[in-house]
């Protein structure tokens, strides 16, 4: 059994599902059946484990499918890798997302024999035992389970099957889209979780789930498969590739690539707003790390402004508005609010780099989410205490040395405590900057789409991992 420090782990290469993650999920409160936990409610579990069969034929087929160099004694596979979410009669073996690029295996075609009228008359004239014998010769019996190591087909019969259009194959998730929509670039690009995170920022199963959800919003006038359109858009956001490179990768014109990306940025940006929720106060308290519970148990969110470099505009007024004195270059600025557990709860629209932190906080609509009794943690640049006092919200910021030589011992201790827990908003901003369209120069052509791009990046950050438990600090 493949072991980790926390229990059983899925044996598939690259799969991180384990009993530790499953137990953490089961111990969470179910929002549909409060106050019961997911272990007590009737909801289906996140995933389940299945052990390798003991029979020789099925065991060899499992090992062949998993393709493990050093297989352990006891093998467990989670339900993510089965077509029916569990071993069934039609699909008894793991087939999905096995951690390597496995070509589809062709099925053996069933032998049929054409019977002419003359042969029918001859068979009718013969006795019954001979007729049964002829029928058995025409349709030979095939075993229910086949050994993966045995060659079951004659190579001479399939050497010239490349032109056949009726050949049935077993396909994985990416090949399934190719079978439904025709050949796609995605089937050769997104082949495992590592490639999926590289090009899209999320896992493979999450990417194909997004494709299914966004399928109704496609344009009928675009002949490019929808899965390639969405991959093209996410590659632009994740890697910030130029349009010429993207058009060459997907074998389309540059103008078509621009139309596709512009369309899907608007659609995905509108649909991803639900992935940036403002958590209820009870949820924030229930998921608060110990480092906040010790000193700041009433903290609702941590806010900070981030800046991304922008291509310098030719218009002098626009160039002056976007110039940041802090970065000494043209930038765009946006406000990020993070819950103590690490979830991005709010991200503002893009503002010119010259805008102040206080102006963005007032104009972005962030203050409308606050309730009386909340606490907001921020940096020294957020001089918004008067705005929060009107709403009976407390502000925790590091102390100032205004007209003084140094801070007192109490102020120094409080400043260190604030800095220790406030750094988690910097970690959230760092996860946003993983998308290179925000960490590199934003082209002027993408400026009208920047608000939706920020929403997409924040939604993908929240989507690619569960709520983060911040490690304990001293």
Protein backbone atom coordinates (compact mmCIF):
# COMPACT_ATOMS: atom_id res chain seq x y z
CA UNK A 1 0.00 0.00 0.00
CA UNK A 2 1.33 3.39 -1.02
CA UNK A 3 1.75 5.17 2.31
CA UNK A 4 2.27 8.74 3.35
CA UNK A 5 2.51 10.31 6.75
CA UNK A 6 -1.26 10.66 6.88
CA UNK A 7 -2.60 7.34 5.56
CA UNK A 8 -3.60 5.83 2.27
CA UNK A 9 -2.84 7.77 -0.92
CA UNK A 10 -4.09 7.14 -4.45
CA UNK A 11 -1.54 5.04 -6.36
CA UNK A 12 -1.97 6.93 -9.66
CA UNK A 13 1.08 8.97 -10.61
CA UNK A 14 0.49 12.66 -9.86
CA UNK A 15 -2.78 12.17 -7.94
CA UNK A 16 -2.70 13.80 -4.48
CA UNK A 17 -5.97 12.43 -3.14
CA UNK A 18 -5.45 10.80 0.26
CA UNK A 19 -7.44 9.81 3.30
CA UNK A 20 -6.05 12.86 5.11
CA UNK A 21 -7.68 15.21 2.58
CA UNK A 22 -10.87 13.15 2.67
CA UNK A 23 -11.04 13.27 6.49
CA UNK A 24 -10.45 17.03 6.49
CA UNK A 25 -13.32 17.44 4.03
CA UNK A 26 -15.60 15.16 6.05
CA UNK A 27 -14.94 17.15 9.24
CA UNK A 28 -16.15 20.39 7.66
CA UNK A 29 -19.62 21.70 8.34
CA UNK A 30 -22.19 20.96 5.64
CA UNK A 31 -23.92 24.17 4.63
CA UNK A 32 -26.96 22.27 3.32
CA UNK A 33 -27.48 20.23 6.51
CA UNK A 34 -26.29 22.54 9.30
CA UNK A 35 -25.01 22.02 11.95
CA UNK A 36 -24.08 18.49 10.88
CA UNK A 37 -20.68 17.82 9.38
CA UNK A 38 -20.23 16.21 5.99
CA UNK A 39 -19.45 12.95 7.78
CA UNK A 40 -22.92 12.96 9.35
CA UNK A 41 -24.99 14.38 6.49
CA UNK A 42 -26.31 12.28 3.56
CA UNK A 43 -24.17 14.14 0.99
CA UNK A 44 -21.95 12.01 -1.25
CA UNK A 45 -18.26 11.96 -0.26
CA UNK A 46 -15.69 13.96 -2.22
CA UNK A 47 -14.05 10.76 -3.46
CA UNK A 48 -13.69 7.13 -2.43
CA UNK A 49 -10.89 4.54 -2.62
CA UNK A 50 -11.06 1.15 -4.34
CA UNK A 51 -8.57 -1.66 -3.84
CA UNK A 52 -6.98 -3.63 -6.66
CA UNK A 53 -8.80 -6.92 -7.31
CA UNK A 54 -7.23 -10.17 -6.14
CA UNK A 55 -7.88 -12.18 -9.30
CA UNK A 56 -4.90 -12.60 -11.63
CA UNK A 57 -6.50 -11.34 -14.83
CA UNK A 58 -8.04 -8.23 -13.28
CA UNK A 59 -4.93 -7.53 -11.21
CA UNK A 60 -2.69 -7.60 -14.29
CA UNK A 61 -5.05 -5.26 -16.14
CA UNK A 62 -4.99 -2.78 -13.24
CA UNK A 63 -1.18 -2.83 -13.14
CA UNK A 64 -0.98 -2.36 -16.91
CA UNK A 65 -3.35 0.63 -16.75
CA UNK A 66 -1.53 2.30 -13.82
CA UNK A 67 1.90 1.83 -15.49
CA UNK A 68 3.82 1.90 -12.19
CA UNK A 69 7.55 1.23 -12.23
CA UNK A 70 7.58 -0.12 -8.67
CA UNK A 71 4.03 -1.06 -7.74
CA UNK A 72 3.36 -1.47 -3.99
CA UNK A 73 1.89 -4.61 -2.44
CA UNK A 74 -1.58 -3.12 -1.89
CA UNK A 75 -2.86 -0.62 -4.44
CA UNK A 76 -5.71 1.83 -3.85
CA UNK A 77 -7.17 4.05 -6.61
CA UNK A 78 -9.60 6.90 -5.99
CA UNK A 79 -12.91 7.31 -7.79
CA UNK A 80 -11.60 10.17 -9.98
CA UNK A 81 -9.92 7.66 -12.30
CA UNK A 82 -12.99 5.55 -13.10
CA UNK A 83 -15.43 6.38 -15.89
CA UNK A 84 -18.44 5.64 -13.65
CA UNK A 85 -16.76 6.97 -10.46
CA UNK A 86 -16.39 3.34 -9.35
CA UNK A 87 -15.58 -0.07 -10.86
CA UNK A 88 -18.62 -1.27 -12.78
CA UNK A 89 -19.41 -4.16 -15.09
CA UNK A 90 -18.92 -2.02 -18.20
CA UNK A 91 -15.86 -0.11 -16.93
CA UNK A 92 -14.15 -2.20 -14.24
CA UNK A 93 -10.66 -0.68 -14.60
CA UNK A 94 -9.19 2.84 -13.98
CA UNK A 95 -9.01 4.73 -17.27
CA UNK A 96 -9.10 8.51 -16.60
CA UNK A 97 -6.14 10.82 -15.83
CA UNK A 98 -3.56 8.13 -15.11
CA UNK A 99 -0.57 10.50 -15.11
CA UNK A 100 0.85 9.61 -18.53
CA UNK A 101 -0.08 10.01 -22.19
CA UNK A 102 -1.73 6.70 -23.00
CA UNK A 103 -2.91 6.20 -26.60
CA UNK A 104 -6.41 4.75 -26.90
CA UNK A 105 -6.56 0.99 -27.31
CA UNK A 106 -8.72 -0.24 -30.22
CA UNK A 107 -11.39 -2.77 -29.38
CA UNK A 108 -11.57 -6.07 -31.15
CA UNK A 109 -14.27 -6.02 -33.80
CA UNK A 110 -16.87 -8.75 -33.51
CA UNK A 111 -16.60 -11.32 -36.28
CA UNK A 112 -19.66 -11.62 -38.49
CA UNK A 113 -20.32 -13.99 -41.36
CA UNK A 114 -22.55 -13.26 -44.29
CA UNK A 115 -24.86 -16.11 -45.17
CA UNK A 116 -26.03 -16.40 -48.76
CA UNK A 117 -29.35 -17.91 -49.82
CA UNK A 118 -27.59 -21.00 -51.20
CA UNK A 119 -25.79 -21.56 -47.89
CA UNK A 120 -29.05 -21.11 -45.97
CA UNK A 121 -30.68 -23.86 -48.01
CA UNK A 122 -27.68 -26.12 -47.44
CA UNK A 123 -27.74 -25.50 -43.70
CA UNK A 124 -31.46 -26.21 -43.55
CA UNK A 125 -30.92 -29.57 -45.24
CA UNK A 126 -28.27 -30.55 -42.73
CA UNK A 127 -28.98 -31.92 -39.29
CA UNK A 128 -29.16 -29.77 -36.17
CA UNK A 129 -25.81 -30.70 -34.53
CA UNK A 130 -23.87 -29.68 -37.63
CA UNK A 131 -25.82 -26.40 -37.80
CA UNK A 132 -24.90 -25.59 -34.22
CA UNK A 133 -21.30 -26.40 -34.96
CA UNK A 134 -21.31 -24.01 -37.94
CA UNK A 135 -22.83 -21.27 -35.82
CA UNK A 136 -20.16 -21.74 -33.18
CA UNK A 137 -17.45 -21.47 -35.80
CA UNK A 138 -19.01 -18.25 -37.14
CA UNK A 139 -19.13 -16.52 -33.73
CA UNK A 140 -16.26 -17.66 -31.54
CA UNK A 141 -16.60 -17.01 -27.83
CA UNK A 142 -14.37 -14.30 -26.34
CA UNK A 143 -13.27 -14.21 -22.71
CA UNK A 144 -14.91 -11.66 -20.43
CA UNK A 145 -11.56 -10.34 -19.15
CA UNK A 146 -8.44 -10.23 -21.29
CA UNK A 147 -4.86 -10.35 -20.19
CA UNK A 148 -3.19 -7.02 -20.86
CA UNK A 149 0.12 -8.74 -21.68
CA UNK A 150 -1.35 -11.04 -24.35
CA UNK A 151 -1.61 -10.08 -28.01
CA UNK A 152 -5.23 -10.75 -28.93
CA UNK A 153 -5.28 -9.42 -32.49
CA UNK A 154 -3.49 -10.44 -35.62
CA UNK A 155 -1.25 -7.52 -36.68
CA UNK A 156 -1.81 -8.35 -40.34
CA UNK A 157 -5.52 -7.59 -39.91
CA UNK A 158 -5.03 -4.11 -38.47
CA UNK A 159 -2.06 -2.87 -40.52
CA UNK A 160 -4.43 -1.10 -42.94
CA UNK A 161 -7.13 0.04 -40.50
CA UNK A 162 -5.97 3.66 -40.54
CA UNK A 163 -8.70 4.63 -43.01
CA UNK A 164 -11.54 2.99 -41.05
CA UNK A 165 -14.21 5.38 -39.72
CA UNK A 166 -16.17 2.88 -37.61
CA UNK A 167 -13.38 1.82 -35.29
CA UNK A 168 -14.52 2.08 -31.63
CA UNK A 169 -11.94 3.00 -29.02
CA UNK A 170 -11.73 3.50 -25.28
CA UNK A 171 -10.80 7.11 -24.62
CA UNK A 172 -9.83 9.18 -21.65
CA UNK A 173 -11.20 12.62 -20.79
CA UNK A 174 -9.20 14.61 -23.33
CA UNK A 175 -9.73 12.05 -26.10
CA UNK A 176 -13.47 12.03 -25.36
CA UNK A 177 -13.67 15.67 -26.45
CA UNK A 178 -11.69 14.80 -29.56
CA UNK A 179 -14.17 12.03 -30.37
CA UNK A 180 -17.14 14.38 -29.89
CA UNK A 181 -15.78 17.55 -31.49
CA UNK A 182 -13.09 16.28 -33.84
CA UNK A 183 -9.29 16.63 -33.46
CA UNK A 184 -8.38 19.28 -30.89
CA UNK A 185 -5.17 20.91 -29.73
CA UNK A 186 -6.25 20.27 -26.15
CA UNK A 187 -5.99 16.48 -26.54
CA UNK A 188 -2.23 16.80 -27.17
CA UNK A 189 -1.60 19.72 -24.80
CA UNK A 190 -3.58 19.08 -21.60
CA UNK A 191 -2.51 15.47 -20.97
CA UNK A 192 -2.00 15.53 -17.18
CA UNK A 193 -2.28 17.79 -14.15
CA UNK A 194 1.22 19.23 -14.60
CA UNK A 195 0.52 20.37 -18.17
CA UNK A 196 -2.91 21.63 -17.17
CA UNK A 197 -1.48 23.78 -14.37
CA UNK A 198 1.22 25.07 -16.73
CA UNK A 199 -1.17 26.24 -19.43
CA UNK A 200 -4.38 27.02 -17.50
CA UNK A 201 -3.46 27.38 -13.81
CA UNK A 202 -5.89 24.67 -12.61
CA UNK A 203 -5.97 20.88 -12.51
CA UNK A 204 -7.07 18.81 -15.48
CA UNK A 205 -10.41 17.74 -13.98
CA UNK A 206 -11.21 21.36 -13.08
CA UNK A 207 -10.37 22.53 -16.60
CA UNK A 208 -12.71 20.05 -18.28
CA UNK A 209 -15.41 20.87 -15.73
CA UNK A 210 -15.11 24.53 -16.73
CA UNK A 211 -15.43 23.54 -20.39
CA UNK A 212 -18.70 21.70 -19.70
CA UNK A 213 -20.09 24.63 -17.69
CA UNK A 214 -19.11 27.25 -20.30
CA UNK A 215 -20.21 25.20 -23.32
CA UNK A 216 -23.66 26.93 -23.64
CA UNK A 217 -21.97 30.36 -24.00
CA UNK A 218 -20.05 29.49 -27.17
CA UNK A 219 -20.51 31.31 -30.47
CA UNK A 220 -22.00 29.11 -33.22
CA UNK A 221 -20.21 31.17 -35.87
CA UNK A 222 -16.77 30.03 -34.64
CA UNK A 223 -15.85 26.61 -36.01
CA UNK A 224 -12.93 26.08 -33.62
CA UNK A 225 -13.81 23.49 -30.92
CA UNK A 226 -14.99 25.10 -27.69
CA UNK A 227 -12.39 23.26 -25.61
CA UNK A 228 -9.64 24.81 -27.76
CA UNK A 229 -11.23 28.26 -27.49
CA UNK A 230 -11.23 28.12 -23.69
CA UNK A 231 -7.69 26.70 -23.60
CA UNK A 232 -6.54 29.51 -25.90
CA UNK A 233 -8.03 32.12 -23.57
CA UNK A 234 -6.55 30.63 -20.39
CA UNK A 235 -3.14 30.27 -22.07
CA UNK A 236 -3.24 33.98 -22.88
CA UNK A 237 -3.99 34.79 -19.23
CA UNK A 238 -1.59 32.27 -17.72
CA UNK A 239 1.42 32.69 -20.04
CA UNK A 240 0.68 36.10 -21.65
CA UNK A 241 1.61 34.79 -25.10
CA UNK A 242 1.44 37.12 -28.09
CA UNK A 243 -1.46 36.59 -30.49
CA UNK A 244 0.81 35.42 -33.29
CA UNK A 245 2.17 32.61 -31.16
CA UNK A 246 -1.31 31.54 -30.03
CA UNK A 247 -2.62 31.62 -33.59
CA UNK A 248 0.27 29.41 -34.73
CA UNK A 249 -0.31 26.90 -31.91
CA UNK A 250 -4.03 26.54 -32.75
CA UNK A 251 -3.64 26.85 -36.53
CA UNK A 252 -5.95 29.87 -36.86
CA UNK A 253 -5.49 33.43 -38.03
CA UNK A 254 -4.40 36.19 -35.68
CA UNK A 255 -7.70 38.00 -36.08
CA UNK A 256 -9.64 34.83 -35.22
CA UNK A 257 -7.50 34.31 -32.10
CA UNK A 258 -8.23 37.90 -31.04
CA UNK A 259 -12.00 37.43 -31.55
CA UNK A 260 -12.04 34.18 -29.57
CA UNK A 261 -10.01 35.54 -26.64
CA UNK A 262 -12.04 38.76 -26.46
CA UNK A 263 -15.31 36.82 -26.41
CA UNK A 264 -14.31 34.31 -23.74
CA UNK A 265 -12.69 36.88 -21.43
CA UNK A 266 -16.04 38.67 -21.24
CA UNK A 267 -17.97 35.42 -20.72
CA UNK A 268 -15.62 33.85 -18.17
CA UNK A 269 -15.24 37.14 -16.29
CA UNK A 270 -19.01 37.37 -15.87
CA UNK A 271 -19.40 33.72 -14.83
CA UNK A 272 -16.45 33.74 -12.41
CA UNK A 273 -17.95 36.37 -10.12
CA UNK A 274 -19.59 33.58 -8.12
CA UNK A 275 -16.11 32.18 -7.36
CA UNK A 276 -15.22 35.33 -5.37
CA UNK A 277 -17.79 35.21 -2.55
CA UNK A 278 -17.89 37.44 0.50
CA UNK A 279 -17.97 34.85 3.27
CA UNK A 280 -20.46 35.15 6.14
CA UNK A 281 -19.03 36.16 9.49
CA UNK A 282 -19.74 32.71 10.95
CA UNK A 283 -17.77 30.99 8.19
CA UNK A 284 -14.83 33.35 8.66
CA UNK A 285 -14.74 32.61 12.40
CA UNK A 286 -15.05 28.85 11.84
CA UNK A 287 -12.14 28.72 9.36
CA UNK A 288 -9.88 31.23 11.09
CA UNK A 289 -6.27 30.03 11.70
CA UNK A 290 -4.88 29.91 15.20
CA UNK A 291 -2.54 32.85 14.53
CA UNK A 292 -5.57 35.13 14.14
CA UNK A 293 -7.53 33.56 17.00
CA UNK A 294 -4.80 34.49 19.49
CA UNK A 295 -4.54 38.22 18.84
CA UNK A 296 -7.14 39.28 16.22
CA UNK A 297 -10.17 36.96 16.54
CA UNK A 298 -12.64 39.50 15.09
CA UNK A 299 -10.70 40.12 11.86
CA UNK A 300 -12.96 39.96 8.81
CA UNK A 301 -10.46 40.56 6.01
CA UNK A 302 -6.97 41.80 5.15
CA UNK A 303 -6.70 44.36 2.37
CA UNK A 304 -3.87 45.64 0.22
CA UNK A 305 -3.38 47.24 -3.18
CA UNK A 306 -1.31 45.51 -5.86
CA UNK A 307 0.17 46.99 -9.02
CA UNK A 308 0.88 45.47 -12.43
CA UNK A 309 3.12 47.05 -15.03
CA UNK A 310 1.34 48.41 -18.10
CA UNK A 311 2.52 49.28 -21.57
CA UNK A 312 3.15 53.01 -21.85
CA UNK A 313 0.38 54.82 -23.70
CA UNK A 314 1.04 57.26 -26.52
CA UNK A 315 -1.54 59.67 -25.13
CA UNK A 316 0.21 61.99 -22.66
CA UNK A 317 -2.79 62.33 -20.34
CA UNK A 318 -3.18 58.54 -20.08
CA UNK A 319 0.55 58.17 -19.58
CA UNK A 320 0.48 60.70 -16.75
CA UNK A 321 -2.52 59.07 -15.04
CA UNK A 322 -0.99 55.59 -15.06
CA UNK A 323 2.49 56.63 -13.86
CA UNK A 324 3.21 55.35 -10.35
CA UNK A 325 5.70 57.18 -8.18
CA UNK A 326 6.15 54.08 -6.06
CA UNK A 327 7.02 51.79 -8.99
CA UNK A 328 8.57 54.54 -11.17
CA UNK A 329 6.72 53.24 -14.23
CA UNK A 330 3.24 53.08 -15.74
CA UNK A 331 1.03 50.66 -13.81
CA UNK A 332 -2.53 49.64 -13.07
CA UNK A 333 -3.67 49.30 -9.48
CA UNK A 334 -6.33 47.12 -7.84
CA UNK A 335 -7.55 46.37 -4.33
CA UNK A 336 -7.49 42.80 -2.97
CA UNK A 337 -9.35 41.66 0.18
CA UNK A 338 -8.45 38.26 1.61
CA UNK A 339 -10.16 36.28 4.37
CA UNK A 340 -7.96 35.02 7.24
CA UNK A 341 -8.12 31.50 5.75
CA UNK A 342 -6.58 32.72 2.46
CA UNK A 343 -9.67 32.96 0.21
CA UNK A 344 -9.87 36.03 -2.02
CA UNK A 345 -13.23 37.60 -1.10
CA UNK A 346 -13.00 40.82 -3.12
CA UNK A 347 -10.99 42.21 -6.00
CA UNK A 348 -11.68 45.66 -7.40
CA UNK A 349 -11.65 46.93 -10.95
CA UNK A 350 -8.37 48.20 -12.39
CA UNK A 351 -7.44 51.81 -11.61
CA UNK A 352 -4.69 54.04 -12.93
CA UNK A 353 -1.41 53.66 -11.08
CA UNK A 354 -1.59 57.26 -9.86
CA UNK A 355 -4.71 56.54 -7.77
CA UNK A 356 -4.28 56.47 -3.99
CA UNK A 357 -5.18 53.55 -1.76
CA UNK A 358 -7.87 55.57 -0.03
CA UNK A 359 -9.53 56.61 -3.29
CA UNK A 360 -9.64 53.01 -4.58
CA UNK A 361 -11.11 51.80 -1.27
CA UNK A 362 -13.86 54.45 -1.45
CA UNK A 363 -14.66 54.06 -5.15
CA UNK A 364 -14.42 50.27 -5.59
CA UNK A 365 -17.46 49.39 -3.47
CA UNK A 366 -15.44 47.47 -0.89
CA UNK A 367 -16.93 49.42 2.03
CA UNK A 368 -20.45 48.21 1.14
CA UNK A 369 -19.55 44.66 2.24
CA UNK A 370 -18.54 45.65 5.79
CA UNK A 371 -20.89 45.36 8.76
CA UNK A 372 -20.82 46.93 12.19
CA UNK A 373 -18.41 45.07 14.47
CA UNK A 374 -16.03 43.90 11.71
CA UNK A 375 -12.28 44.45 11.83
CA UNK A 376 -10.13 45.23 8.79
CA UNK A 377 -6.36 44.79 8.72
CA UNK A 378 -4.30 46.94 6.35
CA UNK A 379 -0.93 48.60 5.77
CA UNK A 380 0.09 52.09 6.85
CA UNK A 381 -0.88 53.60 3.48
CA UNK A 382 -4.60 53.01 4.10
CA UNK A 383 -5.63 56.19 5.89
CA UNK A 384 -9.28 55.12 5.96
CA UNK A 385 -9.98 55.16 9.69
CA UNK A 386 -12.52 57.95 9.31
CA UNK A 387 -14.40 55.99 6.62
CA UNK A 388 -14.53 52.88 8.79
CA UNK A 389 -15.52 54.73 11.97
CA UNK A 390 -18.71 55.87 10.22
CA UNK A 391 -19.62 52.21 9.72
CA UNK A 392 -18.46 51.19 13.23
CA UNK A 393 -15.66 49.07 11.77
CA UNK A 394 -12.28 48.82 13.45
CA UNK A 395 -8.99 49.27 11.54
CA UNK A 396 -5.79 47.44 12.55
CA UNK A 397 -2.66 48.95 10.98
CA UNK A 398 0.98 49.19 12.09
CA UNK A 399 1.82 52.15 14.34
CA UNK A 400 3.26 55.44 13.00
CA UNK A 401 6.24 57.40 14.27
CA UNK A 402 4.50 60.69 13.54
CA UNK A 403 6.49 63.54 15.16
CA UNK A 404 8.30 61.05 17.40
CA UNK A 405 11.75 59.52 17.39
CA UNK A 406 10.71 55.88 17.84
CA UNK A 407 7.83 53.60 18.76
CA UNK A 408 7.07 52.47 22.27
CA UNK A 409 7.53 48.85 23.32
CA UNK A 410 3.79 48.20 23.13
CA UNK A 411 3.56 49.74 19.65
CA UNK A 412 6.55 47.71 18.46
CA UNK A 413 4.98 44.48 19.71
CA UNK A 414 1.63 45.31 18.12
CA UNK A 415 3.30 46.24 14.83
CA UNK A 416 5.11 42.90 14.72
CA UNK A 417 1.89 41.00 15.42
CA UNK A 418 0.09 42.84 12.63
CA UNK A 419 2.96 42.25 10.20
CA UNK A 420 3.05 38.54 11.09
CA UNK A 421 -0.56 37.90 10.05
CA UNK A 422 -0.91 40.64 7.41
CA UNK A 423 1.63 38.93 5.18
CA UNK A 424 -1.03 36.46 4.04
CA UNK A 425 -2.56 39.06 1.74
CA UNK A 426 0.89 39.30 0.13
CA UNK A 427 0.78 35.54 -0.42
CA UNK A 428 -2.61 35.87 -2.11
CA UNK A 429 -1.26 38.62 -4.37
CA UNK A 430 1.70 36.39 -5.18
CA UNK A 431 -0.72 33.66 -6.27
CA UNK A 432 -2.42 36.20 -8.53
CA UNK A 433 0.92 37.16 -10.05
CA UNK A 434 1.45 33.52 -11.08
CA UNK A 435 -0.70 34.51 -14.07
CA UNK A 436 1.88 36.28 -16.19
CA UNK A 437 -0.58 38.71 -17.70
CA UNK A 438 -0.50 40.42 -14.26
CA UNK A 439 3.21 39.93 -13.53
CA UNK A 440 4.43 41.09 -16.95
CA UNK A 441 3.59 44.20 -18.94
CA UNK A 442 -0.14 44.41 -19.64
CA UNK A 443 -0.62 45.34 -23.33
CA UNK A 444 -2.61 48.47 -24.12
CA UNK A 445 -4.94 46.34 -26.26
CA UNK A 446 -5.96 44.35 -23.15
CA UNK A 447 -6.71 47.42 -21.01
CA UNK A 448 -10.51 47.37 -21.72
CA UNK A 449 -10.61 43.72 -20.63
CA UNK A 450 -8.50 44.15 -17.50
CA UNK A 451 -11.45 44.20 -15.07
CA UNK A 452 -12.62 40.79 -16.31
CA UNK A 453 -9.04 39.49 -16.34
CA UNK A 454 -8.68 40.34 -12.65
CA UNK A 455 -11.94 38.51 -11.90
CA UNK A 456 -10.78 35.45 -13.87
CA UNK A 457 -7.39 35.32 -12.12
CA UNK A 458 -8.98 35.64 -8.66
CA UNK A 459 -11.55 32.98 -9.52
CA UNK A 460 -8.87 30.55 -10.72
CA UNK A 461 -6.84 31.17 -7.55
CA UNK A 462 -9.87 30.28 -5.42
CA UNK A 463 -10.72 27.33 -7.67
CA UNK A 464 -7.42 25.51 -7.88
CA UNK A 465 -7.16 24.68 -4.16
CA UNK A 466 -9.46 24.52 -1.12
CA UNK A 467 -9.42 27.04 1.69
CA UNK A 468 -5.88 27.32 2.99
CA UNK A 469 -5.12 26.59 6.58
CA UNK A 470 -2.39 29.06 7.47
CA UNK A 471 0.40 27.46 9.54
CA UNK A 472 0.71 28.54 13.16
CA UNK A 473 3.01 31.44 13.88
CA UNK A 474 4.61 32.43 17.16
